[in-house]
């Protein structure tokens, strides 16, 4: 398989070949050449299917038999007709290339590998490679599959083709059950798999996403959710529910409860905001800075005009958290209450 670059140069992407079986060696030459085309398309199916590509062959009769714009010759052998039907599923052009210019593909036929040994299909290799990522071995899974009655029954149903639903999704590799690329885990090994999935305390959704890449069993999502709910670490560090908001009771008279905060700087100036919870009256003072010493004279002025409040509510920030301010309130006979949300509610409209 090759790719042609914009400058016209052709570079190989992959090479593939196999030896003919004893029965295939008895094919006529034209059918051997056709078999090579069909086998190559099956080998590189995921690369060429759905794309336009060019088939090069050094056997010129095939350019007429497999021409996508032509018709299958009625006198063609049955095998060639079957190959032509298979090729109808591809978007291709077929071109003749003489043998002298076909060396990149011809090389593989000159150096055959007669002993195939035990090479697996690529999909089988990928499936089995998934097992290497698990904390248990392939042998353990296969052994427990044979021991567990339910798993063994499922194994036999797949082998014999008796599985009632989605049988095309299941396969057997090395004694293990696969659903797609995910290996089926027998009940005796599920606790260990769940423990591995939850090792980083990823949370329910991330654990499910991870599990979908490697393992499968019925109700696996429910088992993951149950494990997370019972995990002491997850419970301890789970996001705490929002606290119930308790509203202030409405005061019975003016200046019983006041809310204080600062605004600014605006043009280099800070403002002290004092809001009466009863009348919503607001006092605004321009203060030089946010220290307690600079703010106390303005509190004394406001208290001198309206009286001493029972409760002063602040966000417990800056000058409101100092010992000097606490001593001032004690002197006035007022108490302090910290409630940031109430401060925002009362004073933000005046900022």
Foldseek 3Di string as FASTA:
>chain_A
DWDADPVGDIDDDDADDADDDPVLVPDPPVVVQLVVVLVVCVLCVVPFQPHEEEAEGQPPVVLQCQAQVDHHPPPDDPSSVVSSVVCNRGHYHYDYDHPVVVCVHVVDVVPHDHPPDDDDRPQLVLLQVLQVVAPDHPVVQLVVCCVDPVSVVVVVCLVVVNDDPPSVQWDAHPNWIGRRSATEGDPVCVVVRLCVLCVVVPDLVSSVVVNVNYHDDPPPSVVNVVVLVPDPVNVVPPDDDDDDDDDDDQDPDWQQEKEWDKDDDDVQWIWIWIAIRHPRDIDIDIFNDQALVRCVVVVCVVCVVVNHYQEYEYQCDGNCVDPVNVVVNVVRNHYYHHDVVVNCVSCVVVD
